[in-house]
Amino acid sequence: MTVSIHQPNYLPYSGYFNKIKNSDIFIVYDTAQYVKNRWDNRNRVKGNDKDVFLTIPLEAKASYLKKFYEVSLPQNSIWKKKHFKTLKTYYNKSNHWSLYEKFFEDYYLDNEDDKLVDFNMKLIKFVMNELDIKSKIVMASELDVDPKLSSTEALVSLVKAVNGKKYLSGPSGLKYLDSEQFDQENIELEFQNYSASKYKQQGKDFIPGLSILDLIFNIGKETKKII
């Protein structure tokens, strides 16, 4: 049984969903520490032939050194209106915007989630459903694993908690994972090798690594072939 683990990022890129697709179980690492202005609360879309950041304006004091599941969304909803307006402005002429507009209008304008993890997961689950990704989702906070553990020790414990036999790591894991800890628990360690092929994007110049939204608005169900 292959397990992957990742923080519940905001509007993740295609490689995120490639990792989920190639796993039997996807553990949402909501017990990890939130990191401001990484990918936890922001991502990039395309507008006027340049990348544009959509950032959830979390207050530094309210999110500093908190676990992901503890982080609350801003009390005002101005940013939600801005994010939806930005998407509509840049993608309303894309091939598939009309297919998804209602979902995103509800997602931003009628969403009553007050925690970042719930807000992000709603989008992640929606995309998984659209791309027919059937991997089981498990929240780290629901597992009997010490939340104070960090790095390799935490990952090994989470994989063991769901009886995983293989851990699929992102490529950055090569820099910090201690493979011996996986060997000691008879867990096979595999590193993701993913490179998204080009697709028909709006505008003249192709920009790689954008949010999965750029894919689904431009090529719809064909996104399955990219991931």
C-alpha atoms as a PDB file:
ATOM      1  CA  MET A   1       0.000   0.000   0.000  1.00  0.00           C
ATOM      2  CA  THR A   2       1.511   3.299  -1.138  1.00  0.00           C
ATOM      3  CA  VAL A   3       1.136   6.359   1.078  1.00  0.00           C
ATOM      4  CA  SER A   4       1.873   9.995   0.310  1.00  0.00           C
ATOM      5  CA  ILE A   5       1.798  12.892   2.768  1.00  0.00           C
ATOM      6  CA  HIS A   6       1.496  16.607   2.150  1.00  0.00           C
ATOM      7  CA  GLN A   7       0.254  19.812   3.728  1.00  0.00           C
ATOM      8  CA  PRO A   8      -3.161  20.930   2.440  1.00  0.00           C
ATOM      9  CA  ASN A   9      -1.848  23.615   0.100  1.00  0.00           C
ATOM     10  CA  TYR A  10      -3.943  26.390  -1.422  1.00  0.00           C
ATOM     11  CA  LEU A  11      -4.822  25.800  -5.105  1.00  0.00           C
ATOM     12  CA  PRO A  12      -1.967  23.265  -5.581  1.00  0.00           C
ATOM     13  CA  TYR A  13      -0.113  22.675  -8.844  1.00  0.00           C
ATOM     14  CA  SER A  14      -0.492  19.555 -10.978  1.00  0.00           C
ATOM     15  CA  GLY A  15       2.398  17.660  -9.350  1.00  0.00           C
ATOM     16  CA  TYR A  16       0.501  17.675  -6.062  1.00  0.00           C
ATOM     17  CA  PHE A  17      -2.350  15.747  -7.661  1.00  0.00           C
ATOM     18  CA  ASN A  18       0.052  13.455  -9.503  1.00  0.00           C
ATOM     19  CA  LYS A  19       1.402  12.365  -6.124  1.00  0.00           C
ATOM     20  CA  ILE A  20      -2.097  11.775  -4.739  1.00  0.00           C
ATOM     21  CA  LYS A  21      -3.115   9.824  -7.846  1.00  0.00           C
ATOM     22  CA  ASN A  22      -0.138   7.483  -7.445  1.00  0.00           C
ATOM     23  CA  SER A  23      -0.976   6.735  -3.813  1.00  0.00           C
ATOM     24  CA  ASP A  24      -3.492   4.397  -2.228  1.00  0.00           C
ATOM     25  CA  ILE A  25      -3.744   6.695   0.795  1.00  0.00           C
ATOM     26  CA  PHE A  26      -3.104  10.425   0.894  1.00  0.00           C
ATOM     27  CA  ILE A  27      -2.428  11.730   4.393  1.00  0.00           C
ATOM     28  CA  VAL A  28      -3.237  15.403   4.768  1.00  0.00           C
ATOM     29  CA  TYR A  29      -0.446  16.702   6.988  1.00  0.00           C
ATOM     30  CA  ASP A  30      -2.577  19.143   8.944  1.00  0.00           C
ATOM     31  CA  THR A  31      -0.468  18.655  12.073  1.00  0.00           C
ATOM     32  CA  ALA A  32       2.566  20.209  10.373  1.00  0.00           C
ATOM     33  CA  GLN A  33       3.490  23.765  11.241  1.00  0.00           C
ATOM     34  CA  TYR A  34       1.925  26.376   9.001  1.00  0.00           C
ATOM     35  CA  VAL A  35       4.485  28.378   7.008  1.00  0.00           C
ATOM     36  CA  LYS A  36       3.456  31.817   5.760  1.00  0.00           C
ATOM     37  CA  ASN A  37       3.895  32.692   2.083  1.00  0.00           C
ATOM     38  CA  ARG A  38       5.063  29.256   0.999  1.00  0.00           C
ATOM     39  CA  TRP A  39       2.243  27.351  -0.713  1.00  0.00           C
ATOM     40  CA  ASP A  40       0.073  26.940   2.367  1.00  0.00           C
ATOM     41  CA  ASN A  41      -1.845  30.164   1.736  1.00  0.00           C
ATOM     42  CA  ARG A  42      -0.966  31.194  -1.815  1.00  0.00           C
ATOM     43  CA  ASN A  43      -0.438  30.011  -5.370  1.00  0.00           C
ATOM     44  CA  ARG A  44      -0.023  31.314  -8.894  1.00  0.00           C
ATOM     45  CA  VAL A  45      -2.376  31.677 -11.847  1.00  0.00           C
ATOM     46  CA  LYS A  46      -1.829  33.306 -15.231  1.00  0.00           C
ATOM     47  CA  GLY A  47      -2.941  36.791 -16.159  1.00  0.00           C
ATOM     48  CA  ASN A  48      -1.890  38.939 -19.112  1.00  0.00           C
ATOM     49  CA  ASP A  49       1.052  36.645 -19.918  1.00  0.00           C
ATOM     50  CA  LYS A  50       2.562  36.779 -16.444  1.00  0.00           C
ATOM     51  CA  ASP A  51       2.085  34.816 -13.264  1.00  0.00           C
ATOM     52  CA  VAL A  52      -0.181  36.356 -10.642  1.00  0.00           C
ATOM     53  CA  PHE A  53      -0.229  35.353  -6.972  1.00  0.00           C
ATOM     54  CA  LEU A  54      -3.488  34.680  -5.168  1.00  0.00           C
ATOM     55  CA  THR A  55      -2.660  35.020  -1.462  1.00  0.00           C
ATOM     56  CA  ILE A  56      -4.922  34.464   1.520  1.00  0.00           C
ATOM     57  CA  PRO A  57      -3.992  37.398   3.813  1.00  0.00           C
ATOM     58  CA  LEU A  58      -3.500  35.545   7.079  1.00  0.00           C
ATOM     59  CA  GLU A  59      -2.489  37.642  10.055  1.00  0.00           C
ATOM     60  CA  ALA A  60       1.074  36.918  11.192  1.00  0.00           C
ATOM     61  CA  LYS A  61       0.227  36.886  14.907  1.00  0.00           C
ATOM     62  CA  ALA A  62      -2.806  34.666  14.408  1.00  0.00           C
ATOM     63  CA  SER A  63      -0.903  32.000  12.461  1.00  0.00           C
ATOM     64  CA  TYR A  64       2.654  32.197  13.867  1.00  0.00           C
ATOM     65  CA  LEU A  65       4.007  28.803  15.008  1.00  0.00           C
ATOM     66  CA  LYS A  66       0.585  27.164  14.776  1.00  0.00           C
ATOM     67  CA  LYS A  67      -0.262  23.733  13.466  1.00  0.00           C
ATOM     68  CA  PHE A  68      -2.029  23.867  10.126  1.00  0.00           C
ATOM     69  CA  TYR A  69      -5.367  22.741  11.565  1.00  0.00           C
ATOM     70  CA  GLU A  70      -5.250  25.617  14.088  1.00  0.00           C
ATOM     71  CA  VAL A  71      -4.934  28.412  11.526  1.00  0.00           C
ATOM     72  CA  SER A  72      -8.068  30.497  11.040  1.00  0.00           C
ATOM     73  CA  LEU A  73      -9.055  32.360   7.906  1.00  0.00           C
ATOM     74  CA  PRO A  74      -9.297  36.179   7.959  1.00  0.00           C
ATOM     75  CA  GLN A  75     -12.571  37.362   9.467  1.00  0.00           C
ATOM     76  CA  ASN A  76     -13.375  39.647   6.553  1.00  0.00           C
ATOM     77  CA  SER A  77     -14.260  38.159   3.166  1.00  0.00           C
ATOM     78  CA  ILE A  78     -12.821  40.871   0.949  1.00  0.00           C
ATOM     79  CA  TRP A  79      -9.980  38.605  -0.177  1.00  0.00           C
ATOM     80  CA  LYS A  80     -12.456  35.928  -1.297  1.00  0.00           C
ATOM     81  CA  LYS A  81     -14.206  38.417  -3.554  1.00  0.00           C
ATOM     82  CA  LYS A  82     -10.851  39.541  -4.940  1.00  0.00           C
ATOM     83  CA  HIS A  83      -9.703  35.986  -5.655  1.00  0.00           C
ATOM     84  CA  PHE A  84     -12.920  35.101  -7.456  1.00  0.00           C
ATOM     85  CA  LYS A  85     -12.860  38.364  -9.422  1.00  0.00           C
ATOM     86  CA  THR A  86      -9.223  37.718 -10.412  1.00  0.00           C
ATOM     87  CA  LEU A  87     -10.018  34.221 -11.664  1.00  0.00           C
ATOM     88  CA  LYS A  88     -13.061  35.428 -13.568  1.00  0.00           C
ATOM     89  CA  THR A  89     -11.159  38.325 -15.117  1.00  0.00           C
ATOM     90  CA  TYR A  90      -8.295  36.179 -16.367  1.00  0.00           C
ATOM     91  CA  TYR A  91     -10.129  32.967 -17.243  1.00  0.00           C
ATOM     92  CA  ASN A  92     -13.668  33.890 -18.302  1.00  0.00           C
ATOM     93  CA  LYS A  93     -12.675  33.460 -21.969  1.00  0.00           C
ATOM     94  CA  SER A  94     -10.896  30.153 -21.421  1.00  0.00           C
ATOM     95  CA  ASN A  95     -12.411  27.024 -22.943  1.00  0.00           C
ATOM     96  CA  HIS A  96     -13.763  25.583 -19.699  1.00  0.00           C
ATOM     97  CA  TRP A  97     -14.430  28.520 -17.374  1.00  0.00           C
ATOM     98  CA  SER A  98     -18.204  28.273 -17.845  1.00  0.00           C
ATOM     99  CA  LEU A  99     -18.121  24.631 -16.729  1.00  0.00           C
ATOM    100  CA  TYR A 100     -16.554  25.521 -13.379  1.00  0.00           C
ATOM    101  CA  GLU A 101     -17.751  29.054 -12.718  1.00  0.00           C
ATOM    102  CA  LYS A 102     -20.638  28.056 -10.450  1.00  0.00           C
ATOM    103  CA  PHE A 103     -18.412  25.956  -8.198  1.00  0.00           C
ATOM    104  CA  PHE A 104     -15.867  28.722  -7.783  1.00  0.00           C
ATOM    105  CA  GLU A 105     -18.509  31.349  -7.227  1.00  0.00           C
ATOM    106  CA  ASP A 106     -19.907  29.241  -4.381  1.00  0.00           C
ATOM    107  CA  TYR A 107     -16.414  28.323  -3.158  1.00  0.00           C
ATOM    108  CA  TYR A 108     -15.421  31.941  -2.674  1.00  0.00           C
ATOM    109  CA  LEU A 109     -18.643  33.847  -2.131  1.00  0.00           C
ATOM    110  CA  ASP A 110     -20.818  31.371  -0.182  1.00  0.00           C
ATOM    111  CA  ASN A 111     -18.132  29.501   1.748  1.00  0.00           C
ATOM    112  CA  GLU A 112     -18.503  29.639   5.528  1.00  0.00           C
ATOM    113  CA  ASP A 113     -15.345  27.704   6.449  1.00  0.00           C
ATOM    114  CA  ASP A 114     -13.364  29.441   9.166  1.00  0.00           C
ATOM    115  CA  LYS A 115     -10.253  27.242   9.126  1.00  0.00           C
ATOM    116  CA  LEU A 116      -7.597  27.292   6.413  1.00  0.00           C
ATOM    117  CA  VAL A 117      -7.383  23.500   6.244  1.00  0.00           C
ATOM    118  CA  ASP A 118     -11.130  23.136   5.572  1.00  0.00           C
ATOM    119  CA  PHE A 119     -11.100  25.823   2.914  1.00  0.00           C
ATOM    120  CA  ASN A 120      -8.107  24.320   1.107  1.00  0.00           C
ATOM    121  CA  MET A 121      -9.397  20.762   1.352  1.00  0.00           C
ATOM    122  CA  LYS A 122     -12.709  21.674  -0.248  1.00  0.00           C
ATOM    123  CA  LEU A 123     -10.849  22.665  -3.418  1.00  0.00           C
ATOM    124  CA  ILE A 124      -8.495  19.672  -3.281  1.00  0.00           C
ATOM    125  CA  LYS A 125     -11.407  17.233  -2.999  1.00  0.00           C
ATOM    126  CA  PHE A 126     -13.247  18.981  -5.821  1.00  0.00           C
ATOM    127  CA  VAL A 127     -10.267  18.625  -8.160  1.00  0.00           C
ATOM    128  CA  MET A 128      -9.752  14.996  -7.161  1.00  0.00           C
ATOM    129  CA  ASN A 129     -13.366  14.284  -8.046  1.00  0.00           C
ATOM    130  CA  GLU A 130     -13.089  16.087 -11.391  1.00  0.00           C
ATOM    131  CA  LEU A 131      -9.984  14.089 -12.288  1.00  0.00           C
ATOM    132  CA  ASP A 132     -11.381  10.759 -11.041  1.00  0.00           C
ATOM    133  CA  ILE A 133      -8.677  10.375  -8.395  1.00  0.00           C
ATOM    134  CA  LYS A 134      -9.932   7.711  -6.001  1.00  0.00           C
ATOM    135  CA  SER A 135      -7.147   7.730  -3.393  1.00  0.00           C
ATOM    136  CA  LYS A 136      -8.321   7.564   0.209  1.00  0.00           C
ATOM    137  CA  ILE A 137      -7.887  10.786   2.203  1.00  0.00           C
ATOM    138  CA  VAL A 138      -6.815  10.586   5.855  1.00  0.00           C
ATOM    139  CA  MET A 139      -6.202  13.583   8.110  1.00  0.00           C
ATOM    140  CA  ALA A 140      -3.013  13.384  10.171  1.00  0.00           C
ATOM    141  CA  SER A 141      -4.851  14.991  13.090  1.00  0.00           C
ATOM    142  CA  GLU A 142      -7.175  11.963  13.215  1.00  0.00           C
ATOM    143  CA  LEU A 143      -4.321   9.473  13.596  1.00  0.00           C
ATOM    144  CA  ASP A 144      -2.761   8.353  16.869  1.00  0.00           C
ATOM    145  CA  VAL A 145       0.614   9.937  16.131  1.00  0.00           C
ATOM    146  CA  ASP A 146       2.477  12.334  18.401  1.00  0.00           C
ATOM    147  CA  PRO A 147       2.061  15.787  16.751  1.00  0.00           C
ATOM    148  CA  LYS A 148       5.352  16.893  18.312  1.00  0.00           C
ATOM    149  CA  LEU A 149       7.319  14.554  16.071  1.00  0.00           C
ATOM    150  CA  SER A 150       9.030  16.204  13.119  1.00  0.00           C
ATOM    151  CA  SER A 151      10.805  15.441   9.851  1.00  0.00           C
ATOM    152  CA  THR A 152      11.450  11.776   8.988  1.00  0.00           C
ATOM    153  CA  GLU A 153      10.278  10.419  12.350  1.00  0.00           C
ATOM    154  CA  ALA A 154       6.866  12.006  11.883  1.00  0.00           C
ATOM    155  CA  LEU A 155       6.475  10.740   8.327  1.00  0.00           C
ATOM    156  CA  VAL A 156       7.444   7.190   9.248  1.00  0.00           C
ATOM    157  CA  SER A 157       4.975   7.218  12.147  1.00  0.00           C
ATOM    158  CA  LEU A 158       2.152   8.465   9.911  1.00  0.00           C
ATOM    159  CA  VAL A 159       2.828   5.783   7.271  1.00  0.00           C
ATOM    160  CA  LYS A 160       2.865   3.101   9.975  1.00  0.00           C
ATOM    161  CA  ALA A 161      -0.410   4.417  11.402  1.00  0.00           C
ATOM    162  CA  VAL A 162      -2.225   3.503   8.164  1.00  0.00           C
ATOM    163  CA  ASN A 163      -0.264   0.264   7.633  1.00  0.00           C
ATOM    164  CA  GLY A 164       1.552   1.646   4.610  1.00  0.00           C
ATOM    165  CA  LYS A 165       4.296  -0.399   2.945  1.00  0.00           C
ATOM    166  CA  LYS A 166       5.666   2.299   0.641  1.00  0.00           C
ATOM    167  CA  TYR A 167       6.106   6.037   1.115  1.00  0.00           C
ATOM    168  CA  LEU A 168       5.934   8.223  -1.987  1.00  0.00           C
ATOM    169  CA  SER A 169       7.876  11.397  -1.261  1.00  0.00           C
ATOM    170  CA  GLY A 170       8.073  14.576  -3.260  1.00  0.00           C
ATOM    171  CA  PRO A 171      11.445  15.200  -4.943  1.00  0.00           C
ATOM    172  CA  SER A 172      12.499  17.650  -2.225  1.00  0.00           C
ATOM    173  CA  GLY A 173      12.584  14.716   0.203  1.00  0.00           C
ATOM    174  CA  LEU A 174      15.959  13.768  -1.253  1.00  0.00           C
ATOM    175  CA  LYS A 175      17.417  16.716   0.664  1.00  0.00           C
ATOM    176  CA  TYR A 176      16.164  15.917   4.155  1.00  0.00           C
ATOM    177  CA  LEU A 177      14.735  12.418   4.571  1.00  0.00           C
ATOM    178  CA  ASP A 178      16.667   9.817   6.571  1.00  0.00           C
ATOM    179  CA  SER A 179      16.166   6.672   4.488  1.00  0.00           C
ATOM    180  CA  GLU A 180      17.504   4.439   7.258  1.00  0.00           C
ATOM    181  CA  GLN A 181      14.464   5.178   9.413  1.00  0.00           C
ATOM    182  CA  PHE A 182      12.215   3.866   6.634  1.00  0.00           C
ATOM    183  CA  ASP A 183      14.434   0.788   6.193  1.00  0.00           C
ATOM    184  CA  GLN A 184      14.210   0.004   9.905  1.00  0.00           C
ATOM    185  CA  GLU A 185      10.427  -0.135   9.642  1.00  0.00           C
ATOM    186  CA  ASN A 186      10.447  -2.108   6.351  1.00  0.00           C
ATOM    187  CA  ILE A 187       8.857   0.785   4.487  1.00  0.00           C
ATOM    188  CA  GLU A 188       9.924   1.214   0.889  1.00  0.00           C
ATOM    189  CA  LEU A 189      10.912   4.772   0.026  1.00  0.00           C
ATOM    190  CA  GLU A 190      10.155   6.168  -3.426  1.00  0.00           C
ATOM    191  CA  PHE A 191      10.690   9.680  -4.753  1.00  0.00           C
ATOM    192  CA  GLN A 192       8.266  11.311  -7.118  1.00  0.00           C
ATOM    193  CA  ASN A 193       9.601  11.924 -10.610  1.00  0.00           C
ATOM    194  CA  TYR A 194       7.131  14.287 -12.223  1.00  0.00           C
ATOM    195  CA  SER A 195       7.432  16.856 -14.960  1.00  0.00           C
ATOM    196  CA  ALA A 196       4.246  18.323 -16.419  1.00  0.00           C
ATOM    197  CA  SER A 197       4.062  18.443 -20.185  1.00  0.00           C
ATOM    198  CA  LYS A 198       3.023  21.644 -21.914  1.00  0.00           C
ATOM    199  CA  TYR A 199      -0.625  22.255 -22.673  1.00  0.00           C
ATOM    200  CA  LYS A 200      -2.610  24.885 -24.518  1.00  0.00           C
ATOM    201  CA  GLN A 201      -2.474  27.878 -22.228  1.00  0.00           C
ATOM    202  CA  GLN A 202      -4.031  31.273 -22.799  1.00  0.00           C
ATOM    203  CA  GLY A 203      -1.612  33.924 -23.999  1.00  0.00           C
ATOM    204  CA  LYS A 204       1.631  33.709 -25.938  1.00  0.00           C
ATOM    205  CA  ASP A 205       4.282  32.401 -23.534  1.00  0.00           C
ATOM    206  CA  PHE A 206       3.846  29.161 -21.599  1.00  0.00           C
ATOM    207  CA  ILE A 207       4.334  29.502 -17.831  1.00  0.00           C
ATOM    208  CA  PRO A 208       5.004  26.188 -16.038  1.00  0.00           C
ATOM    209  CA  GLY A 209       4.121  25.237 -12.474  1.00  0.00           C
ATOM    210  CA  LEU A 210       0.924  27.241 -12.102  1.00  0.00           C
ATOM    211  CA  SER A 211      -2.040  26.194  -9.975  1.00  0.00           C
ATOM    212  CA  ILE A 212      -4.076  23.232 -11.197  1.00  0.00           C
ATOM    213  CA  LEU A 213      -6.790  25.815 -11.919  1.00  0.00           C
ATOM    214  CA  ASP A 214      -4.890  26.974 -14.978  1.00  0.00           C
ATOM    215  CA  LEU A 215      -5.081  23.445 -16.329  1.00  0.00           C
ATOM    216  CA  ILE A 216      -8.736  22.758 -15.679  1.00  0.00           C
ATOM    217  CA  PHE A 217      -9.884  26.148 -17.003  1.00  0.00           C
ATOM    218  CA  ASN A 218      -7.851  25.693 -20.186  1.00  0.00           C
ATOM    219  CA  ILE A 219      -8.146  21.985 -20.966  1.00  0.00           C
ATOM    220  CA  GLY A 220     -10.843  20.648 -18.621  1.00  0.00           C
ATOM    221  CA  LYS A 221     -11.026  16.863 -18.319  1.00  0.00           C
ATOM    222  CA  GLU A 222      -7.888  16.531 -20.463  1.00  0.00           C
ATOM    223  CA  THR A 223      -6.037  17.532 -17.289  1.00  0.00           C
ATOM    224  CA  LYS A 224      -6.087  13.835 -16.408  1.00  0.00           C
ATOM    225  CA  LYS A 225      -3.548  13.218 -19.161  1.00  0.00           C
ATOM    226  CA  ILE A 226      -1.177  15.836 -17.720  1.00  0.00           C
ATOM    227  CA  ILE A 227      -1.126  14.422 -14.228  1.00  0.00           C
END
